[in-house]
Protein backbone atom coordinates (compact mmCIF):
# COMPACT_ATOMS: atom_id res chain seq x y z
CA MET A 1 2.00 8.60 -10.81
CA LYS A 2 0.34 5.31 -10.64
CA VAL A 3 -2.62 4.95 -8.25
CA ILE A 4 -5.37 2.45 -7.48
CA CYS A 5 -8.96 3.42 -7.78
CA PRO A 6 -10.50 3.00 -4.36
CA VAL A 7 -13.86 1.83 -5.89
CA CYS A 8 -12.80 -0.86 -8.47
CA ASN A 9 -9.17 -1.47 -7.38
CA ARG A 10 -7.80 -0.77 -10.92
CA LEU A 11 -4.31 0.46 -11.23
CA PHE A 12 -4.00 3.55 -13.54
CA GLU A 13 -2.12 6.77 -14.20
CA ALA A 14 -3.53 9.60 -12.04
CA GLU A 15 -2.44 12.23 -14.70
CA CYS A 16 -4.56 10.56 -17.27
CA SER A 17 -7.81 10.90 -15.24
CA PRO A 18 -9.77 13.98 -14.63
CA TYR A 19 -11.64 12.36 -11.83
CA LYS A 20 -10.52 13.16 -8.30
CA GLU A 21 -12.02 13.89 -4.98
CA MET A 22 -10.82 15.50 -1.74
CA TYR A 23 -12.02 13.69 1.33
CA ASN A 24 -10.90 14.18 4.90
CA GLY A 25 -7.75 15.97 3.64
CA ILE A 26 -6.86 13.13 1.17
CA VAL A 27 -7.07 13.33 -2.54
CA TYR A 28 -8.52 10.16 -4.07
CA TYR A 29 -8.29 9.44 -7.82
CA PHE A 30 -10.74 7.49 -9.91
CA ASP A 31 -10.33 5.91 -13.28
CA THR A 32 -13.99 6.50 -14.31
CA GLU A 33 -16.86 8.96 -13.53
CA ILE A 34 -18.94 6.04 -12.30
CA CYS A 35 -16.29 5.23 -9.69
CA GLN A 36 -16.13 8.89 -8.62
CA LEU A 37 -19.94 9.05 -8.27
CA ALA A 38 -20.10 5.87 -6.32
CA PHE A 39 -17.33 7.27 -3.93
CA ARG A 40 -19.43 10.39 -3.37
CA GLN A 41 -22.50 8.50 -2.35
CA ASN A 42 -20.64 6.57 0.34
CA PRO A 43 -17.14 7.50 0.71
CA GLU A 44 -16.52 5.58 4.07
CA ARG A 45 -17.28 2.32 2.29
CA PHE A 46 -14.26 2.81 0.17
CA VAL A 47 -11.75 4.60 2.49
CA TYR A 48 -12.04 2.06 5.16
CA ASN A 49 -9.72 -0.45 3.36
CA CYS A 50 -7.13 2.38 2.61
CA LYS A 51 -7.00 3.46 6.24
CA ASN A 52 -6.48 -0.21 7.61
CA SER A 53 -4.30 -1.48 4.76
CA GLY A 54 -1.09 -0.67 6.61
CA SER A 55 -2.32 -1.74 9.98
CA GLN A 56 -2.57 -5.62 9.29
CA ALA A 57 1.14 -6.37 9.68
CA GLN A 58 1.75 -9.46 11.69
């Protein structure tokens, strides 16, 4: 399954990465440990765009 890292916006295969984090009932996948650590420090900074990405339809 292809996913986009919420920190660096890079597309990658989720199965190839050991880095994942559960936040508010959603599993987020990261392509590097650095991205996962950045997410842990301030997850709301990175999930905001995900929550609003579908609500911008005009």
